[in-house]
C-alpha atoms as a PDB file:
ATOM      1  CA  MET A   1     -45.382 -51.022 -17.048  1.00  0.00           C
ATOM      2  CA  PHE A   2     -42.792 -50.177 -19.241  1.00  0.00           C
ATOM      3  CA  GLN A   3     -43.739 -52.428 -22.302  1.00  0.00           C
ATOM      4  CA  SER A   4     -47.234 -51.106 -21.837  1.00  0.00           C
ATOM      5  CA  MET A   5     -46.362 -47.639 -22.295  1.00  0.00           C
ATOM      6  CA  LYS A   6     -46.313 -45.742 -25.724  1.00  0.00           C
ATOM      7  CA  ILE A   7     -43.212 -45.387 -27.791  1.00  0.00           C
ATOM      8  CA  LYS A   8     -43.212 -41.585 -27.409  1.00  0.00           C
ATOM      9  CA  GLY A   9     -43.646 -42.137 -23.660  1.00  0.00           C
ATOM     10  CA  LYS A  10     -40.670 -44.532 -23.260  1.00  0.00           C
ATOM     11  CA  ARG A  11     -38.510 -42.032 -25.423  1.00  0.00           C
ATOM     12  CA  LEU A  12     -39.421 -39.261 -22.923  1.00  0.00           C
ATOM     13  CA  ALA A  13     -38.999 -41.193 -19.750  1.00  0.00           C
ATOM     14  CA  ALA A  14     -35.750 -42.720 -20.771  1.00  0.00           C
ATOM     15  CA  PHE A  15     -34.478 -38.969 -21.816  1.00  0.00           C
ATOM     16  CA  GLY A  16     -36.037 -37.837 -18.561  1.00  0.00           C
ATOM     17  CA  VAL A  17     -33.918 -40.358 -16.414  1.00  0.00           C
ATOM     18  CA  LEU A  18     -30.801 -39.510 -18.324  1.00  0.00           C
ATOM     19  CA  LEU A  19     -31.446 -35.649 -17.988  1.00  0.00           C
ATOM     20  CA  LEU A  20     -31.912 -36.142 -14.442  1.00  0.00           C
ATOM     21  CA  LEU A  21     -28.808 -38.149 -14.020  1.00  0.00           C
ATOM     22  CA  CYS A  22     -26.883 -35.259 -16.039  1.00  0.00           C
ATOM     23  CA  GLY A  23     -28.461 -32.676 -14.007  1.00  0.00           C
ATOM     24  CA  ALA A  24     -27.283 -34.605 -10.936  1.00  0.00           C
ATOM     25  CA  LEU A  25     -23.717 -34.600 -12.391  1.00  0.00           C
ATOM     26  CA  ALA A  26     -23.680 -31.064 -13.107  1.00  0.00           C
ATOM     27  CA  GLY A  27     -24.987 -30.044  -9.903  1.00  0.00           C
ATOM     28  CA  GLY A  28     -22.715 -32.066  -8.006  1.00  0.00           C
ATOM     29  CA  GLY A  29     -19.701 -30.960 -10.101  1.00  0.00           C
ATOM     30  CA  TYR A  30     -20.658 -27.312  -9.373  1.00  0.00           C
ATOM     31  CA  PHE A  31     -20.786 -27.685  -5.515  1.00  0.00           C
ATOM     32  CA  ALA A  32     -17.606 -29.859  -5.643  1.00  0.00           C
ATOM     33  CA  ILE A  33     -15.820 -27.411  -7.902  1.00  0.00           C
ATOM     34  CA  ILE A  34     -16.771 -24.594  -5.460  1.00  0.00           C
ATOM     35  CA  ARG A  35     -15.657 -26.781  -2.287  1.00  0.00           C
ATOM     36  CA  VAL A  36     -12.179 -27.274  -4.278  1.00  0.00           C
ATOM     37  CA  ALA A  37     -11.767 -23.410  -4.864  1.00  0.00           C
ATOM     38  CA  GLU A  38     -12.580 -22.802  -1.184  1.00  0.00           C
ATOM     39  CA  ILE A  39     -10.222 -25.314   0.066  1.00  0.00           C
ATOM     40  CA  GLY A  40      -7.741 -24.128  -2.406  1.00  0.00           C
ATOM     41  CA  GLU A  41      -8.059 -20.280  -1.372  1.00  0.00           C
ATOM     42  CA  VAL A  42      -7.393 -21.597   2.373  1.00  0.00           C
ATOM     43  CA  GLU A  43      -4.273 -23.738   1.264  1.00  0.00           C
ATOM     44  CA  THR A  44      -3.113 -20.728  -0.812  1.00  0.00           C
ATOM     45  CA  ALA A  45      -3.376 -18.433   2.521  1.00  0.00           C
ATOM     46  CA  PHE A  46      -1.415 -20.922   4.539  1.00  0.00           C
ATOM     47  CA  ASN A  47       1.263 -20.576   1.835  1.00  0.00           C
ATOM     48  CA  LYS A  48       1.118 -17.107   2.024  1.00  0.00           C
ATOM     49  CA  ILE A  49       1.202 -17.310   6.000  1.00  0.00           C
ATOM     50  CA  SER A  50       4.406 -18.981   5.456  1.00  0.00           C
ATOM     51  CA  THR A  51       5.913 -16.928   2.981  1.00  0.00           C
ATOM     52  CA  THR A  52       5.192 -14.003   5.002  1.00  0.00           C
ATOM     53  CA  ALA A  53       6.727 -15.316   8.135  1.00  0.00           C
ATOM     54  CA  LEU A  54      10.027 -15.737   6.304  1.00  0.00           C
ATOM     55  CA  GLN A  55       9.963 -12.225   4.964  1.00  0.00           C
ATOM     56  CA  MET A  56       9.414 -10.947   8.436  1.00  0.00           C
ATOM     57  CA  ARG A  57      12.311 -12.964   9.663  1.00  0.00           C
ATOM     58  CA  ALA A  58      14.444 -11.901   6.933  1.00  0.00           C
ATOM     59  CA  SER A  59      13.697  -8.118   7.846  1.00  0.00           C
ATOM     60  CA  GLN A  60      14.623  -9.080  11.427  1.00  0.00           C
ATOM     61  CA  ASN A  61      17.640 -10.272  10.341  1.00  0.00           C
ATOM     62  CA  ASP A  62      18.370  -7.531   7.986  1.00  0.00           C
ATOM     63  CA  PHE A  63      17.531  -4.839  10.691  1.00  0.00           C
ATOM     64  CA  LEU A  64      19.999  -6.751  13.298  1.00  0.00           C
ATOM     65  CA  THR A  65      22.778  -7.155  10.597  1.00  0.00           C
ATOM     66  CA  ARG A  66      22.723  -3.892   9.374  1.00  0.00           C
ATOM     67  CA  ASP A  67      20.552  -0.906  11.056  1.00  0.00           C
ATOM     68  CA  ILE A  68      21.785  -1.596  14.819  1.00  0.00           C
ATOM     69  CA  LYS A  69      25.145  -0.351  13.193  1.00  0.00           C
ATOM     70  CA  ASN A  70      23.853   2.432  11.012  1.00  0.00           C
ATOM     71  CA  GLU A  71      24.492   5.877  12.391  1.00  0.00           C
ATOM     72  CA  LYS A  72      21.502   7.297  10.071  1.00  0.00           C
ATOM     73  CA  PHE A  73      18.853   4.954  12.034  1.00  0.00           C
ATOM     74  CA  MET A  74      20.401   5.904  15.482  1.00  0.00           C
ATOM     75  CA  GLU A  75      20.119   9.554  14.557  1.00  0.00           C
ATOM     76  CA  SER A  76      16.356   9.492  12.946  1.00  0.00           C
ATOM     77  CA  GLY A  77      15.063   6.217  14.312  1.00  0.00           C
ATOM     78  CA  LYS A  78      13.747   5.716  10.565  1.00  0.00           C
ATOM     79  CA  SER A  79      14.468   1.907   9.055  1.00  0.00           C
ATOM     80  CA  LYS A  80      13.420   0.399   5.862  1.00  0.00           C
ATOM     81  CA  TYR A  81      13.367  -2.837   7.623  1.00  0.00           C
ATOM     82  CA  LEU A  82      11.338  -1.395  10.522  1.00  0.00           C
ATOM     83  CA  SER A  83       8.670  -0.371   7.716  1.00  0.00           C
ATOM     84  CA  ASP A  84       8.535  -3.618   6.065  1.00  0.00           C
ATOM     85  CA  MET A  85       8.087  -5.342   9.139  1.00  0.00           C
ATOM     86  CA  TYR A  86       5.049  -3.124   9.866  1.00  0.00           C
ATOM     87  CA  THR A  87       3.777  -3.778   6.847  1.00  0.00           C
ATOM     88  CA  LEU A  88       3.999  -7.671   6.711  1.00  0.00           C
ATOM     89  CA  ALA A  89       2.682  -7.745  10.357  1.00  0.00           C
ATOM     90  CA  ALA A  90      -0.525  -5.911   8.764  1.00  0.00           C
ATOM     91  CA  VAL A  91      -0.804  -8.276   6.174  1.00  0.00           C
ATOM     92  CA  GLN A  92      -0.161 -11.522   8.217  1.00  0.00           C
ATOM     93  CA  ASP A  93      -2.902 -10.187  10.759  1.00  0.00           C
ATOM     94  CA  SER A  94      -5.479  -9.620   7.877  1.00  0.00           C
ATOM     95  CA  ILE A  95      -4.834 -13.230   6.604  1.00  0.00           C
ATOM     96  CA  ILE A  96      -5.235 -14.825   9.945  1.00  0.00           C
ATOM     97  CA  SER A  97      -8.431 -12.899  10.609  1.00  0.00           C
ATOM     98  CA  SER A  98      -9.837 -13.658   7.553  1.00  0.00           C
ATOM     99  CA  LEU A  99      -9.089 -17.294   8.029  1.00  0.00           C
ATOM    100  CA  LEU A 100     -10.675 -17.206  11.441  1.00  0.00           C
ATOM    101  CA  GLU A 101     -13.834 -15.803   9.748  1.00  0.00           C
ATOM    102  CA  ASN A 102     -13.856 -18.572   7.004  1.00  0.00           C
ATOM    103  CA  LYS A 103     -16.305 -21.590   7.397  1.00  0.00           C
ATOM    104  CA  TRP A 104     -13.166 -23.917   6.836  1.00  0.00           C
ATOM    105  CA  SER A 105     -11.679 -22.730  10.100  1.00  0.00           C
ATOM    106  CA  ALA A 106     -14.814 -24.783  11.758  1.00  0.00           C
ATOM    107  CA  LYS A 107     -14.390 -27.569   9.094  1.00  0.00           C
ATOM    108  CA  LEU A 108     -11.021 -28.173   9.475  1.00  0.00           C
ATOM    109  CA  ASP A 109     -11.173 -27.798  13.511  1.00  0.00           C
ATOM    110  CA  ILE A 110      -8.436 -25.028  13.201  1.00  0.00           C
ATOM    111  CA  HIS A 111      -9.721 -22.306  15.075  1.00  0.00           C
ATOM    112  CA  LYS A 112      -7.755 -22.856  18.362  1.00  0.00           C
ATOM    113  CA  ASP A 113      -4.434 -22.956  16.151  1.00  0.00           C
ATOM    114  CA  LEU A 114      -5.281 -19.727  14.127  1.00  0.00           C
ATOM    115  CA  THR A 115      -5.803 -17.770  17.424  1.00  0.00           C
ATOM    116  CA  SER A 116      -2.492 -18.972  18.877  1.00  0.00           C
ATOM    117  CA  LEU A 117      -0.930 -18.162  15.505  1.00  0.00           C
ATOM    118  CA  LYS A 118      -2.250 -14.787  15.650  1.00  0.00           C
ATOM    119  CA  THR A 119      -1.370 -14.312  19.306  1.00  0.00           C
ATOM    120  CA  ASN A 120       2.203 -15.249  18.637  1.00  0.00           C
ATOM    121  CA  PHE A 121       2.690 -13.324  15.660  1.00  0.00           C
ATOM    122  CA  GLU A 122       1.270 -10.058  17.473  1.00  0.00           C
ATOM    123  CA  ALA A 123       3.648 -10.890  20.569  1.00  0.00           C
ATOM    124  CA  TYR A 124       6.700 -11.282  17.839  1.00  0.00           C
ATOM    125  CA  HIS A 125       5.904  -8.081  16.137  1.00  0.00           C
ATOM    126  CA  LYS A 126       5.549  -6.222  19.538  1.00  0.00           C
ATOM    127  CA  THR A 127       8.763  -7.689  20.740  1.00  0.00           C
ATOM    128  CA  PHE A 128      10.623  -6.762  17.699  1.00  0.00           C
ATOM    129  CA  SER A 129       9.194  -3.009  18.181  1.00  0.00           C
ATOM    130  CA  LYS A 130      10.468  -3.271  21.551  1.00  0.00           C
ATOM    131  CA  LEU A 131      13.793  -4.738  20.703  1.00  0.00           C
ATOM    132  CA  ALA A 132      14.207  -1.769  17.895  1.00  0.00           C
ATOM    133  CA  ASP A 133      13.258   0.866  20.464  1.00  0.00           C
ATOM    134  CA  ALA A 134      15.983  -0.813  22.856  1.00  0.00           C
ATOM    135  CA  TYR A 135      18.843  -0.523  20.257  1.00  0.00           C
ATOM    136  CA  LYS A 136      17.774   3.111  19.534  1.00  0.00           C
ATOM    137  CA  LYS A 137      18.154   3.906  23.034  1.00  0.00           C
ATOM    138  CA  ARG A 138      21.506   2.212  23.413  1.00  0.00           C
ATOM    139  CA  GLY A 139      22.748   4.044  20.421  1.00  0.00           C
ATOM    140  CA  LEU A 140      25.862   3.932  18.694  1.00  0.00           C
ATOM    141  CA  LYS A 141      29.101   5.980  18.660  1.00  0.00           C
ATOM    142  CA  ASP A 142      27.547   9.494  19.299  1.00  0.00           C
ATOM    143  CA  PHE A 143      23.922   8.651  19.555  1.00  0.00           C
ATOM    144  CA  GLY A 144      22.040   7.311  22.508  1.00  0.00           C
ATOM    145  CA  ASP A 145      23.164   5.922  25.839  1.00  0.00           C
ATOM    146  CA  GLU A 146      26.387   4.958  23.889  1.00  0.00           C
ATOM    147  CA  GLY A 147      26.872   8.685  22.786  1.00  0.00           C
ATOM    148  CA  GLU A 148      26.313  10.034  26.268  1.00  0.00           C
ATOM    149  CA  LEU A 149      28.990   7.587  27.721  1.00  0.00           C
ATOM    150  CA  ARG A 150      31.607   8.627  25.240  1.00  0.00           C
ATOM    151  CA  ALA A 151      30.776  12.287  26.066  1.00  0.00           C
ATOM    152  CA  ALA A 152      31.546  11.415  29.554  1.00  0.00           C
ATOM    153  CA  VAL A 153      34.785   9.945  28.620  1.00  0.00           C
ATOM    154  CA  ARG A 154      35.665  12.917  26.812  1.00  0.00           C
ATOM    155  CA  ALA A 155      34.718  15.286  29.638  1.00  0.00           C
ATOM    156  CA  ILE A 156      36.990  13.332  31.814  1.00  0.00           C
ATOM    157  CA  GLU A 157      40.028  13.629  29.640  1.00  0.00           C
ATOM    158  CA  GLU A 158      39.357  17.401  29.007  1.00  0.00           C
ATOM    159  CA  SER A 159      39.334  17.814  32.833  1.00  0.00           C
ATOM    160  CA  ASP A 160      42.069  20.003  34.485  1.00  0.00           C
ATOM    161  CA  TYR A 161      42.808  17.715  37.197  1.00  0.00           C
ATOM    162  CA  LYS A 162      45.868  15.450  36.314  1.00  0.00           C
ATOM    163  CA  ILE A 163      44.426  11.746  36.015  1.00  0.00           C
ATOM    164  CA  ASP A 164      46.044   8.401  35.863  1.00  0.00           C
ATOM    165  CA  MET A 165      45.687   7.968  31.975  1.00  0.00           C
ATOM    166  CA  VAL A 166      46.507   4.224  32.531  1.00  0.00           C
ATOM    167  CA  GLN A 167      43.864   3.581  34.835  1.00  0.00           C
ATOM    168  CA  LEU A 168      41.347   5.426  32.529  1.00  0.00           C
ATOM    169  CA  LEU A 169      42.473   3.484  29.658  1.00  0.00           C
ATOM    170  CA  THR A 170      42.024   0.321  31.956  1.00  0.00           C
ATOM    171  CA  LEU A 171      38.363   1.483  32.394  1.00  0.00           C
ATOM    172  CA  ARG A 172      38.005   1.807  28.651  1.00  0.00           C
ATOM    173  CA  ARG A 173      39.685  -1.635  27.845  1.00  0.00           C
ATOM    174  CA  ILE A 174      37.090  -3.213  30.539  1.00  0.00           C
ATOM    175  CA  GLU A 175      34.279  -1.210  28.885  1.00  0.00           C
ATOM    176  CA  LYS A 176      35.365  -2.248  25.170  1.00  0.00           C
ATOM    177  CA  ASP A 177      35.474  -6.225  26.412  1.00  0.00           C
ATOM    178  CA  PHE A 178      32.168  -6.154  28.050  1.00  0.00           C
ATOM    179  CA  PHE A 179      30.579  -4.409  24.657  1.00  0.00           C
ATOM    180  CA  LEU A 180      32.244  -7.183  22.894  1.00  0.00           C
ATOM    181  CA  ARG A 181      31.636 -10.253  24.869  1.00  0.00           C
ATOM    182  CA  LYS A 182      28.438  -9.264  26.936  1.00  0.00           C
ATOM    183  CA  ASP A 183      30.038 -11.069  30.023  1.00  0.00           C
ATOM    184  CA  MET A 184      28.665  -9.429  33.381  1.00  0.00           C
ATOM    185  CA  GLY A 185      31.992 -10.287  34.940  1.00  0.00           C
ATOM    186  CA  TYR A 186      33.315  -7.116  33.102  1.00  0.00           C
ATOM    187  CA  VAL A 187      30.869  -5.291  34.808  1.00  0.00           C
ATOM    188  CA  GLU A 188      32.008  -6.087  38.295  1.00  0.00           C
ATOM    189  CA  LYS A 189      35.877  -5.512  37.051  1.00  0.00           C
ATOM    190  CA  PHE A 190      34.762  -2.252  35.763  1.00  0.00           C
ATOM    191  CA  THR A 191      32.957  -1.153  39.256  1.00  0.00           C
ATOM    192  CA  ALA A 192      35.882  -2.285  41.157  1.00  0.00           C
ATOM    193  CA  GLU A 193      38.411  -0.142  38.894  1.00  0.00           C
ATOM    194  CA  ILE A 194      35.991   3.127  39.041  1.00  0.00           C
ATOM    195  CA  THR A 195      36.119   2.737  42.782  1.00  0.00           C
ATOM    196  CA  ALA A 196      39.971   2.695  42.724  1.00  0.00           C
ATOM    197  CA  PHE A 197      40.281   5.456  40.580  1.00  0.00           C
ATOM    198  CA  LEU A 198      38.053   7.504  42.584  1.00  0.00           C
ATOM    199  CA  ASP A 199      40.187   6.882  45.676  1.00  0.00           C
ATOM    200  CA  LYS A 200      43.099   8.312  44.031  1.00  0.00           C
ATOM    201  CA  ILE A 201      41.472  11.676  43.362  1.00  0.00           C
ATOM    202  CA  ASP A 202      41.533  14.201  46.430  1.00  0.00           C
ATOM    203  CA  ASN A 203      38.583  16.228  47.831  1.00  0.00           C
ATOM    204  CA  GLY A 204      39.682  19.670  46.415  1.00  0.00           C
ATOM    205  CA  GLY A 205      37.630  21.636  43.934  1.00  0.00           C
ATOM    206  CA  LYS A 206      38.854  20.489  40.924  1.00  0.00           C
ATOM    207  CA  GLY A 207      39.047  16.981  42.342  1.00  0.00           C
ATOM    208  CA  GLN A 208      35.221  17.271  43.391  1.00  0.00           C
ATOM    209  CA  GLU A 209      34.347  18.128  39.784  1.00  0.00           C
ATOM    210  CA  LEU A 210      36.353  15.037  38.558  1.00  0.00           C
ATOM    211  CA  LYS A 211      34.538  12.726  40.795  1.00  0.00           C
ATOM    212  CA  ILE A 212      31.283  13.916  39.276  1.00  0.00           C
ATOM    213  CA  LYS A 213      32.277  13.496  35.858  1.00  0.00           C
ATOM    214  CA  ILE A 214      33.626   9.936  36.784  1.00  0.00           C
ATOM    215  CA  ALA A 215      30.222   9.337  38.328  1.00  0.00           C
ATOM    216  CA  THR A 216      28.564  10.409  35.269  1.00  0.00           C
ATOM    217  CA  TYR A 217      30.670   7.880  33.220  1.00  0.00           C
ATOM    218  CA  GLU A 218      30.017   5.035  35.444  1.00  0.00           C
ATOM    219  CA  ALA A 219      26.172   5.797  35.112  1.00  0.00           C
ATOM    220  CA  LYS A 220      26.228   6.187  31.582  1.00  0.00           C
ATOM    221  CA  PHE A 221      28.274   2.772  31.468  1.00  0.00           C
ATOM    222  CA  ASN A 222      25.856   1.064  33.841  1.00  0.00           C
ATOM    223  CA  ALA A 223      23.061   2.568  31.398  1.00  0.00           C
ATOM    224  CA  VAL A 224      24.388   1.078  28.331  1.00  0.00           C
ATOM    225  CA  VAL A 225      24.715  -2.245  30.465  1.00  0.00           C
ATOM    226  CA  LYS A 226      20.900  -2.102  31.482  1.00  0.00           C
ATOM    227  CA  ASP A 227      20.303  -1.509  27.601  1.00  0.00           C
ATOM    228  CA  GLU A 228      22.387  -4.838  26.574  1.00  0.00           C
ATOM    229  CA  GLU A 229      20.572  -6.694  29.400  1.00  0.00           C
ATOM    230  CA  THR A 230      17.319  -5.576  27.960  1.00  0.00           C
ATOM    231  CA  ILE A 231      18.111  -6.595  24.374  1.00  0.00           C
ATOM    232  CA  GLY A 232      19.349  -9.796  25.651  1.00  0.00           C
ATOM    233  CA  LEU A 233      23.025 -10.698  26.545  1.00  0.00           C
ATOM    234  CA  ASN A 234      22.744 -13.816  24.241  1.00  0.00           C
ATOM    235  CA  GLU A 235      19.965 -15.085  21.819  1.00  0.00           C
ATOM    236  CA  LYS A 236      18.189 -16.486  24.951  1.00  0.00           C
ATOM    237  CA  LEU A 237      17.854 -13.928  27.111  1.00  0.00           C
ATOM    238  CA  GLY A 238      16.072 -10.471  27.065  1.00  0.00           C
ATOM    239  CA  LEU A 239      13.839  -9.303  24.159  1.00  0.00           C
ATOM    240  CA  MET A 240      16.268 -11.462  21.839  1.00  0.00           C
ATOM    241  CA  GLY A 241      15.049 -14.636  23.554  1.00  0.00           C
ATOM    242  CA  GLU A 242      11.555 -13.675  23.896  1.00  0.00           C
ATOM    243  CA  MET A 243      11.479 -12.807  20.110  1.00  0.00           C
ATOM    244  CA  GLY A 244      13.075 -16.030  19.339  1.00  0.00           C
ATOM    245  CA  SER A 245      10.619 -18.004  21.676  1.00  0.00           C
ATOM    246  CA  ASN A 246       7.521 -16.456  19.873  1.00  0.00           C
ATOM    247  CA  ILE A 247       8.659 -17.341  16.215  1.00  0.00           C
ATOM    248  CA  TYR A 248       9.597 -20.978  17.446  1.00  0.00           C
ATOM    249  CA  LYS A 249       5.853 -21.258  18.649  1.00  0.00           C
ATOM    250  CA  VAL A 250       4.918 -20.163  15.234  1.00  0.00           C
ATOM    251  CA  GLU A 251       6.779 -22.342  13.047  1.00  0.00           C
ATOM    252  CA  PRO A 252       5.287 -25.688  14.096  1.00  0.00           C
ATOM    253  CA  ILE A 253       1.492 -24.409  13.932  1.00  0.00           C
ATOM    254  CA  ILE A 254       2.220 -23.157  10.200  1.00  0.00           C
ATOM    255  CA  GLU A 255       3.698 -26.379   9.339  1.00  0.00           C
ATOM    256  CA  LYS A 256       0.803 -28.163  10.794  1.00  0.00           C
ATOM    257  CA  LEU A 257      -1.794 -25.886   9.299  1.00  0.00           C
ATOM    258  CA  GLU A 258       0.001 -26.134   5.822  1.00  0.00           C
ATOM    259  CA  LYS A 259      -0.019 -30.113   5.970  1.00  0.00           C
ATOM    260  CA  LEU A 260      -3.582 -30.158   7.192  1.00  0.00           C
ATOM    261  CA  SER A 261      -4.902 -27.719   4.131  1.00  0.00           C
ATOM    262  CA  ASN A 262      -2.717 -29.933   1.668  1.00  0.00           C
ATOM    263  CA  VAL A 263      -4.092 -33.319   2.590  1.00  0.00           C
ATOM    264  CA  ARG A 264      -7.680 -31.938   2.617  1.00  0.00           C
ATOM    265  CA  TYR A 265      -7.341 -30.489  -0.621  1.00  0.00           C
ATOM    266  CA  ARG A 266      -6.314 -33.753  -1.990  1.00  0.00           C
ATOM    267  CA  GLU A 267      -8.987 -35.643  -0.426  1.00  0.00           C
ATOM    268  CA  ILE A 268     -11.705 -33.193  -1.646  1.00  0.00           C
ATOM    269  CA  VAL A 269     -10.385 -33.606  -4.979  1.00  0.00           C
ATOM    270  CA  PHE A 270     -10.123 -37.381  -4.949  1.00  0.00           C
ATOM    271  CA  GLN A 271     -13.555 -37.237  -3.705  1.00  0.00           C
ATOM    272  CA  THR A 272     -14.723 -34.974  -6.587  1.00  0.00           C
ATOM    273  CA  ILE A 273     -13.123 -37.104  -9.340  1.00  0.00           C
ATOM    274  CA  LEU A 274     -14.723 -40.175  -7.748  1.00  0.00           C
ATOM    275  CA  THR A 275     -18.078 -38.542  -7.694  1.00  0.00           C
ATOM    276  CA  PHE A 276     -18.111 -37.571 -11.248  1.00  0.00           C
ATOM    277  CA  ALA A 277     -16.410 -41.132 -12.254  1.00  0.00           C
ATOM    278  CA  LEU A 278     -19.320 -43.115 -10.092  1.00  0.00           C
ATOM    279  CA  VAL A 279     -22.142 -40.975 -11.745  1.00  0.00           C
ATOM    280  CA  SER A 280     -20.857 -41.180 -15.098  1.00  0.00           C
ATOM    281  CA  LEU A 281     -20.774 -44.896 -14.863  1.00  0.00           C
ATOM    282  CA  ILE A 282     -24.497 -44.773 -13.655  1.00  0.00           C
ATOM    283  CA  GLU A 283     -25.338 -42.755 -16.514  1.00  0.00           C
ATOM    284  CA  LEU A 284     -23.708 -45.521 -19.122  1.00  0.00           C
ATOM    285  CA  ILE A 285     -25.307 -48.222 -16.953  1.00  0.00           C
ATOM    286  CA  VAL A 286     -28.708 -46.792 -17.368  1.00  0.00           C
ATOM    287  CA  ALA A 287     -28.187 -45.798 -20.885  1.00  0.00           C
ATOM    288  CA  PHE A 288     -27.056 -49.345 -21.866  1.00  0.00           C
ATOM    289  CA  VAL A 289     -29.880 -50.800 -19.872  1.00  0.00           C
ATOM    290  CA  LEU A 290     -32.377 -48.593 -21.527  1.00  0.00           C
ATOM    291  CA  ALA A 291     -31.047 -49.176 -25.038  1.00  0.00           C
ATOM    292  CA  ILE A 292     -31.376 -53.099 -24.752  1.00  0.00           C
ATOM    293  CA  LYS A 293     -34.881 -52.504 -23.543  1.00  0.00           C
ATOM    294  CA  PHE A 294     -35.857 -50.435 -26.473  1.00  0.00           C
ATOM    295  CA  SER A 295     -33.946 -52.602 -28.503  1.00  0.00           C
ATOM    296  CA  LYS A 296     -35.696 -55.750 -27.391  1.00  0.00           C
ATOM    297  CA  SER A 297     -39.179 -53.906 -27.592  1.00  0.00           C
ATOM    298  CA  PHE A 298     -38.825 -52.871 -31.040  1.00  0.00           C
ATOM    299  CA  THR A 299     -37.080 -56.179 -32.347  1.00  0.00           C
ATOM    300  CA  SER A 300     -39.644 -58.423 -30.565  1.00  0.00           C
ATOM    301  CA  ASN A 301     -42.332 -56.751 -32.770  1.00  0.00           C
ATOM    302  CA  ILE A 302     -40.541 -56.902 -35.758  1.00  0.00           C
ATOM    303  CA  GLN A 303     -39.654 -60.514 -35.271  1.00  0.00           C
ATOM    304  CA  TYR A 304     -43.364 -61.230 -34.455  1.00  0.00           C
ATOM    305  CA  VAL A 305     -44.716 -59.573 -37.580  1.00  0.00           C
ATOM    306  CA  ARG A 306     -42.051 -61.225 -39.758  1.00  0.00           C
ATOM    307  CA  LYS A 307     -43.139 -64.470 -38.577  1.00  0.00           C
ATOM    308  CA  ALA A 308     -46.715 -63.687 -39.654  1.00  0.00           C
ATOM    309  CA  ALA A 309     -45.605 -62.352 -43.058  1.00  0.00           C
ATOM    310  CA  ILE A 310     -43.721 -65.819 -43.506  1.00  0.00           C
ATOM    311  CA  LYS A 311     -46.652 -67.768 -42.990  1.00  0.00           C
ATOM    312  CA  LEU A 312     -48.696 -65.821 -44.963  1.00  0.00           C
ATOM    313  CA  SER A 313     -46.410 -66.222 -47.904  1.00  0.00           C
ATOM    314  CA  GLU A 314     -46.663 -69.791 -47.339  1.00  0.00           C
ATOM    315  CA  THR A 315     -50.344 -69.664 -47.787  1.00  0.00           C
ATOM    316  CA  ILE A 316     -51.087 -70.253 -44.095  1.00  0.00           C
ATOM    317  CA  ILE A 317     -53.354 -67.954 -42.388  1.00  0.00           C
ATOM    318  CA  PRO A 318     -51.686 -66.642 -39.299  1.00  0.00           C
ATOM    319  CA  GLU A 319     -53.348 -65.840 -36.015  1.00  0.00           C
ATOM    320  CA  GLN A 320     -54.910 -62.497 -35.443  1.00  0.00           C
ATOM    321  CA  LEU A 321     -51.732 -60.186 -34.465  1.00  0.00           C
ATOM    322  CA  GLU A 322     -52.037 -58.762 -31.105  1.00  0.00           C
ATOM    323  CA  ILE A 323     -51.075 -55.028 -31.171  1.00  0.00           C
ATOM    324  CA  LYS A 324     -48.812 -54.858 -28.012  1.00  0.00           C
ATOM    325  CA  THR A 325     -47.502 -51.046 -28.504  1.00  0.00           C
ATOM    326  CA  GLN A 326     -48.534 -47.931 -29.236  1.00  0.00           C
ATOM    327  CA  ARG A 327     -47.367 -44.793 -30.774  1.00  0.00           C
END
């Protein structure tokens, strides 16, 4: 069939085949590039989640290192690190929500992991906010519950009733030991010492006034103790423990998603390169085959005519030439 075609038709057919293959290569390349770009954006988003998580941890640590000892924070409740945390939490939520709506969420089968990630980050931020409020309530020096505790002590010291200063100093020492070590055993010692202190005070007018002040002191101390329990007497308890649990749940999910997206990205890039190479190889093979066919077609006719010409030159009349090709 190819031999019986006109030369012009052969050229057009060959050109059409090559053009079709080039079109397939271009189309496949276009869609492959889009896929690579899309999975690249997903990988970038996961890296951004990881970076933002580290920034959130940094803001948390800065807050716990600096602001809980900062009187300006205790007075105003304003903190650069709290503001940074709120901003970062909003960014994190936006990235994860966008990924949940992305078609690659279904393709990579990560919808459940993303949902868990979103839930844990929300819980982490919510717990951090509660922790900041708890520290604000606990206070420092003349602010919060500690401020009221110090005011109650001053009221006792300024009382007209002659008090046992040794016993009051013992109470203050127990109080400071608790704040330093966060050991509930000191609370029991404080309660026992308060009871002994009250037993030495008579029930006269000034004595009754002093007992009220001592009761206030005890109540304020217990309020600070409750604040410390809410915050967490160690990193595994209270809001500190809850916040740590949330962030520890997040870390393995982020690591898993980063690894998954990186592997998938490499696979798609490899598939794209392989597809380009395969189609290019097919084009070369087809072009080579067509070139050979055209060469044989043209050279066979030339040889046919040449043989006839040689016979004529030898005064031999050749057989009638058969025309096998058309223009």
